[in-house]
């Protein structure tokens, strides 16, 4: 009898029995969440791992944590609703539960899309020959996830009783000020669309822009990332590509190399012709150069007679290796034929009166 009377004692507007019941429901929800998580990780995963498709594994992996948190949140909400709370506190509990539940559903949807993106969409893009999908996939991923979270927040606020329409209208009034403050971001976004429409470069292209020389690693809506020749990552705002010239090295048909070779003034006309013929033969013998060349005896310098030698390295060939092969061949064959390179010299004449 004494125990029954004790349970009926009122504390902060609720009996001790009501407080104990509320606490019991909350603890039970925590235990139930733990049990559900164990069932997912041990039983359900073991079952899905035996199936041929990966889709069920993805679904289980992505929904288990949101489902567990939803069970716990529901238990806490139900445990608090059986109590007699002040109006402000009761409204706060109800509104918070509506928002949390919407966010949990959004979390589940975002995780599920992320898994499908990594497991199916991204490998599909990697297999295609078109580079455009490789550029658009990261934007698609961020855009869909952002849309899911925005919708979850709007639905949660609406279910909690807030006037979402008035809130959006208020945001619209401040939109002009926001646009002025974010004009650089907006220009970067338009710069990103310019990249996708004009396609001045693609992923893995080597480009030179604003003094940076590197390989394109990622093209985003706001910025583009280059990996420089030094191995550093540089983030360049997309607006820079609209205002600055972009040199795409990867799409050049061939690499033009210009050599100026100075021959001594002791070189005879026959030797000069032999030198030019030797340069032509060296170019023709190298498998990494194109047939077209420009070879000309183009000037008399202060210390040498100059031969201009222009050749082209084929696309895809190693530039440094090919230059080394050409230069070594020139040095070797000119030495064998007695063709001497000039260096700055000065001849003094002693004139006696």
Foldseek 3Di string as FASTA:
>chain_A
DVVVVQQQDDDPQRGVVLLVQLVVLLVVLLVVLVVLLCCLVPPVCVVVVPDPDCLSVQLSVLLSVLVSVLSNLVSNLVSVVSGDDPPVVNLVSQLVSLLSNLQSVLSSVLSSVVSCCVPPVVVVQVPDPDQLSVQCSVVVSVVVSVVSNVVSNLRSCVSSPHDSVVVVVVVVVCVVVVCVVCVLQVLLLVLLVVCSVVVPDGAQWFKAFPRFTFGWHHRYSFWTWGQGPVRDIDTGGSNRPVVIPMGTPQPDQWDKDKDKFFFAPVQDPVNVVVLQVQLLVLQVPDPQWDNDWDWDQDDDDPGGRIIIIMTTGGRPDDPVVVVVSSVVSSVVVCVVVVTDTTDDDDDDDDDDD
